[in-house]
Amino acid sequence: MSGIEGKVIAVTGASSGIGEATALLLAERGAKVVLGARRSDRIEALAARIAGAGGEAVPVRTDVKRRADLSRLVATARERYGALDVLVGNAGISPISALDDLRVEEWEEMIDVNLKGVLYGIAAALPVFRAQGSGHFVTTLSTAGLRISPLMAVYAGTKNAVRAICEGLRQEAGDALRVTTVSPGFTRTELADSITDPEAKSGIQAGMDKIAMPPDAIARAIAFAIEQPAGVDVGEIVVRPTAQS
């Protein structure tokens, strides 16, 4: 039995990109996957696709800005499968822009999704993991938080805040829980769709078109962390296209 087979794994942001690729790979390797995303039609279709391939999945409409939705995602995992072994916190948005543009509502949206959404996931899953005596948080960050670039100040700020929170969580976790962060570089996803600044969106899209990795490259990194033995904690993984500086 692999380190993934039989595990119950919830994935936020599962309707496309990295989340979708991760759910497909984990289900293929024998996990029972709980799919969380706002777009119900997408995760319902994904659950059907997984079931059609012989896997197990259940869709749960989840807006990570709502604490109750994360609680329902975790509760569904426990009700359907009796446990939750891993929470993959992958939902995120990136409406990048110059600070001078004062797109304050977009700053707030990034804080709500990228930062508070992760905290709500921790609040939902941590008591369950403590009661079980085991559990694994896997959270998607970004190389944008490692190399700060113009237009990305707030986005990188949310990712680095989550990086700090996850490190604090790791240190508080003790020897029973695991905490992993995964920082992707340019990846072929729908993340650019949230950018409203035309110039910024064009630049990001051009970079994606030129050098972006397929989302399953990140899915494999997530799977690597999950499949390790219980006493092995893969703390941080950075995955970039070879052409990315």
Protein backbone atom coordinates (compact mmCIF):
# COMPACT_ATOMS: atom_id res chain seq x y z
CA MET A 1 0.00 0.00 0.00
CA SER A 2 1.35 3.43 -0.95
CA GLY A 3 1.48 6.35 1.44
CA ILE A 4 -1.51 7.83 -0.38
CA GLU A 5 -3.79 4.83 -0.87
CA GLY A 6 -6.80 4.94 1.43
CA LYS A 7 -6.13 8.42 2.76
CA VAL A 8 -8.97 10.94 2.95
CA ILE A 9 -7.78 14.17 1.38
CA ALA A 10 -9.70 17.44 1.03
CA VAL A 11 -8.56 19.87 -1.67
CA THR A 12 -9.66 23.51 -1.92
CA GLY A 13 -9.54 25.29 -5.24
CA ALA A 14 -10.25 21.92 -6.86
CA SER A 15 -12.24 23.18 -9.84
CA SER A 16 -9.24 23.88 -12.08
CA GLY A 17 -5.48 24.14 -12.37
CA ILE A 18 -3.32 22.79 -9.56
CA GLY A 19 -6.28 21.77 -7.42
CA GLU A 20 -7.90 19.76 -10.19
CA ALA A 21 -4.62 18.10 -11.18
CA THR A 22 -3.89 17.26 -7.54
CA ALA A 23 -7.31 15.72 -6.98
CA LEU A 24 -6.97 13.59 -10.11
CA LEU A 25 -3.50 12.33 -9.20
CA LEU A 26 -4.35 11.58 -5.58
CA ALA A 27 -7.52 9.74 -6.58
CA GLU A 28 -5.55 7.76 -9.16
CA ARG A 29 -3.19 6.72 -6.37
CA GLY A 30 -6.04 5.51 -4.20
CA ALA A 31 -7.02 8.48 -2.05
CA LYS A 32 -10.61 9.33 -1.21
CA VAL A 33 -10.84 12.94 -2.34
CA VAL A 34 -13.17 15.66 -1.05
CA LEU A 35 -13.37 18.41 -3.65
CA GLY A 36 -13.86 21.99 -2.48
CA ALA A 37 -14.46 24.96 -4.82
CA ARG A 38 -17.02 27.65 -5.54
CA ARG A 39 -17.92 26.35 -8.99
CA SER A 40 -20.22 23.46 -8.18
CA ASP A 41 -20.59 22.35 -11.78
CA ARG A 42 -16.84 21.96 -12.17
CA ILE A 43 -16.29 19.87 -9.04
CA GLU A 44 -19.36 17.76 -9.73
CA ALA A 45 -17.96 16.97 -13.18
CA LEU A 46 -14.56 16.25 -11.65
CA ALA A 47 -16.08 13.90 -9.06
CA ALA A 48 -17.88 12.05 -11.87
CA ARG A 49 -14.65 11.81 -13.84
CA ILE A 50 -12.82 10.36 -10.84
CA ALA A 51 -15.63 7.88 -10.17
CA GLY A 52 -15.64 6.88 -13.82
CA ALA A 53 -11.95 6.00 -13.53
CA GLY A 54 -12.65 3.83 -10.48
CA GLY A 55 -11.78 6.38 -7.80
CA GLU A 56 -13.71 7.95 -4.95
CA ALA A 57 -14.58 11.65 -4.68
CA VAL A 58 -17.28 13.86 -3.26
CA PRO A 59 -17.86 17.50 -4.27
CA VAL A 60 -18.59 20.16 -1.63
CA ARG A 61 -19.27 23.73 -2.74
CA THR A 62 -16.70 25.75 -0.81
CA ASP A 63 -15.95 29.46 -0.73
CA VAL A 64 -12.83 29.75 1.43
CA LYS A 65 -13.86 33.28 2.44
CA ARG A 66 -16.58 31.65 4.51
CA ARG A 67 -15.44 29.85 7.63
CA ALA A 68 -18.63 27.77 7.67
CA ASP A 69 -17.80 26.41 4.22
CA LEU A 70 -14.41 25.10 5.38
CA SER A 71 -16.09 23.55 8.41
CA ARG A 72 -18.58 21.84 6.10
CA LEU A 73 -15.78 20.56 3.85
CA VAL A 74 -14.02 18.93 6.79
CA ALA A 75 -17.29 17.64 8.26
CA THR A 76 -18.22 16.06 4.93
CA ALA A 77 -14.91 14.19 4.84
CA ARG A 78 -15.56 12.78 8.29
CA GLU A 79 -19.21 11.94 7.63
CA ARG A 80 -18.52 10.26 4.30
CA TYR A 81 -15.22 8.55 5.04
CA GLY A 82 -14.81 8.64 8.83
CA ALA A 83 -11.68 10.78 8.94
CA LEU A 84 -9.64 13.53 7.33
CA ASP A 85 -5.98 12.74 6.78
CA VAL A 86 -4.83 15.69 4.67
CA LEU A 87 -6.09 19.20 3.93
CA VAL A 88 -4.62 20.66 0.74
CA GLY A 89 -5.19 24.42 0.98
CA ASN A 90 -4.85 25.41 -2.63
CA ALA A 91 -7.51 28.09 -3.30
CA GLY A 92 -6.00 31.43 -4.26
CA ILE A 93 -6.34 34.55 -6.39
CA SER A 94 -3.79 37.02 -7.76
CA PRO A 95 -5.30 40.33 -8.94
CA ILE A 96 -1.86 41.97 -9.00
CA SER A 97 -1.41 45.68 -9.69
CA ALA A 98 0.76 48.64 -8.76
CA LEU A 99 0.20 49.93 -5.24
CA ASP A 100 -0.29 53.40 -6.74
CA ASP A 101 -3.45 52.11 -8.43
CA LEU A 102 -5.05 51.80 -4.98
CA ARG A 103 -7.15 48.77 -5.89
CA VAL A 104 -8.00 48.38 -2.23
CA GLU A 105 -10.95 46.06 -2.82
CA GLU A 106 -8.64 43.66 -4.65
CA TRP A 107 -6.12 43.83 -1.80
CA GLU A 108 -8.90 42.91 0.58
CA GLU A 109 -10.03 40.06 -1.66
CA MET A 110 -6.52 38.59 -1.70
CA ILE A 111 -6.33 38.83 2.08
CA ASP A 112 -9.74 37.16 2.40
CA VAL A 113 -8.97 34.29 0.01
CA ASN A 114 -5.23 33.73 0.23
CA LEU A 115 -4.74 34.41 3.93
CA LYS A 116 -8.00 34.14 5.83
CA GLY A 117 -9.05 31.17 3.69
CA VAL A 118 -5.99 29.26 4.90
CA LEU A 119 -6.67 30.23 8.51
CA TYR A 120 -10.26 29.04 8.22
CA GLY A 121 -8.99 25.73 6.90
CA ILE A 122 -6.63 25.39 9.84
CA ALA A 123 -9.44 26.25 12.24
CA ALA A 124 -11.63 23.54 10.70
CA ALA A 125 -9.05 20.76 10.42
CA LEU A 126 -6.72 21.27 13.38
CA PRO A 127 -9.16 20.05 16.08
CA VAL A 128 -9.92 16.99 13.95
CA PHE A 129 -6.23 16.22 13.46
CA ARG A 130 -5.58 16.64 17.19
CA ALA A 131 -8.44 14.28 18.07
CA GLN A 132 -7.21 11.70 15.54
CA GLY A 133 -3.59 12.03 16.62
CA SER A 134 -2.53 12.53 13.01
CA GLY A 135 -3.03 14.87 10.07
CA HIS A 136 -1.24 16.80 7.36
CA PHE A 137 -1.63 20.38 6.16
CA VAL A 138 -0.37 21.00 2.61
CA THR A 139 -0.64 24.62 1.49
CA THR A 140 0.07 26.14 -1.93
CA LEU A 141 2.19 29.30 -1.76
CA SER A 142 4.10 30.91 -4.65
CA THR A 143 7.62 31.78 -5.76
CA ALA A 144 6.24 35.33 -5.87
CA GLY A 145 6.78 35.31 -2.11
CA LEU A 146 10.42 34.29 -2.50
CA ARG A 147 11.44 36.89 -5.06
CA ILE A 148 9.39 40.06 -4.67
CA SER A 149 8.56 41.77 -7.96
CA PRO A 150 6.79 45.02 -8.87
CA LEU A 151 2.98 44.75 -8.97
CA MET A 152 3.04 41.75 -6.62
CA ALA A 153 3.48 43.45 -3.25
CA VAL A 154 0.10 42.52 -1.77
CA TYR A 155 -0.08 39.10 -3.42
CA ALA A 156 3.42 38.24 -2.19
CA GLY A 157 2.50 39.66 1.20
CA THR A 158 -0.41 37.26 1.55
CA LYS A 159 1.76 34.32 0.52
CA ASN A 160 4.53 35.26 2.93
CA ALA A 161 2.02 35.71 5.74
CA VAL A 162 0.80 32.18 5.09
CA ARG A 163 4.42 30.98 4.96
CA ALA A 164 4.96 32.41 8.45
CA ILE A 165 1.70 30.92 9.74
CA CYS A 166 2.57 27.49 8.37
CA GLU A 167 6.02 27.60 9.94
CA GLY A 168 4.46 28.54 13.26
CA LEU A 169 1.95 25.74 12.84
CA ARG A 170 4.75 23.28 12.08
CA GLN A 171 6.57 24.23 15.27
CA GLU A 172 3.39 23.94 17.33
CA ALA A 173 2.29 20.72 15.67
CA GLY A 174 4.36 18.34 17.75
CA ASP A 175 5.35 14.91 16.51
CA ALA A 176 1.92 13.80 15.32
CA LEU A 177 1.04 16.39 12.64
CA ARG A 178 2.79 17.34 9.42
CA VAL A 179 2.92 20.74 7.69
CA THR A 180 4.08 21.28 4.11
CA THR A 181 4.17 24.34 1.87
CA VAL A 182 4.57 24.13 -1.89
CA SER A 183 5.69 27.21 -3.84
CA PRO A 184 5.02 26.94 -7.58
CA GLY A 185 6.61 29.15 -10.18
CA PHE A 186 4.86 29.91 -13.46
CA THR A 187 2.19 27.24 -13.83
CA ARG A 188 -0.48 26.88 -16.50
CA THR A 189 -3.58 27.77 -14.48
CA GLU A 190 -6.50 30.22 -14.48
CA LEU A 191 -4.81 32.45 -11.88
CA ALA A 192 -4.35 35.28 -14.38
CA ASP A 193 -8.13 35.44 -14.84
CA SER A 194 -8.42 37.32 -11.53
CA ILE A 195 -6.14 40.15 -12.73
CA THR A 196 -8.08 43.27 -13.73
CA ASP A 197 -5.09 45.46 -14.64
CA PRO A 198 -4.74 44.88 -18.42
CA GLU A 199 -0.98 45.43 -18.55
CA ALA A 200 -0.30 43.22 -15.55
CA LYS A 201 -2.58 40.49 -16.92
CA SER A 202 -0.88 40.62 -20.31
CA GLY A 203 2.56 40.29 -18.73
CA ILE A 204 1.59 37.33 -16.58
CA GLN A 205 -0.18 35.60 -19.45
CA ALA A 206 2.83 36.08 -21.70
CA GLY A 207 5.05 34.49 -19.07
CA MET A 208 2.67 31.57 -18.72
CA ASP A 209 2.48 31.06 -22.46
CA LYS A 210 6.26 31.08 -22.74
CA ILE A 211 7.54 28.98 -19.85
CA ALA A 212 4.69 27.74 -17.63
CA MET A 213 4.72 24.20 -16.21
CA PRO A 214 1.68 21.94 -16.43
CA PRO A 215 -0.29 21.83 -13.17
CA ASP A 216 0.45 18.15 -12.69
CA ALA A 217 4.07 19.11 -11.95
CA ILE A 218 2.81 20.67 -8.73
CA ALA A 219 0.40 17.80 -8.12
CA ARG A 220 3.36 15.40 -8.15
CA ALA A 221 5.19 17.55 -5.60
CA ILE A 222 2.13 17.53 -3.33
CA ALA A 223 1.82 13.77 -3.72
CA PHE A 224 5.51 13.36 -2.83
CA ALA A 225 4.99 15.16 0.48
CA ILE A 226 1.85 13.19 1.31
CA GLU A 227 3.27 9.76 0.51
CA GLN A 228 6.18 10.04 2.96
CA PRO A 229 6.09 7.88 6.10
CA ALA A 230 4.22 9.35 9.06
CA GLY A 231 7.41 10.40 10.85
CA VAL A 232 8.77 12.32 7.85
CA ASP A 233 7.70 15.94 7.38
CA VAL A 234 8.54 17.57 4.05
CA GLY A 235 8.53 21.19 5.16
CA GLU A 236 8.82 23.20 1.94
CA ILE A 237 8.97 22.42 -1.77
CA VAL A 238 9.78 24.98 -4.47
CA VAL A 239 8.97 24.01 -8.06
CA ARG A 240 9.92 26.33 -10.93
CA PRO A 241 10.18 26.02 -14.68
CA THR A 242 13.87 25.67 -15.54
CA ALA A 243 13.58 28.87 -17.60
CA GLN A 244 12.28 30.97 -14.69
CA SER A 245 14.79 33.29 -13.06
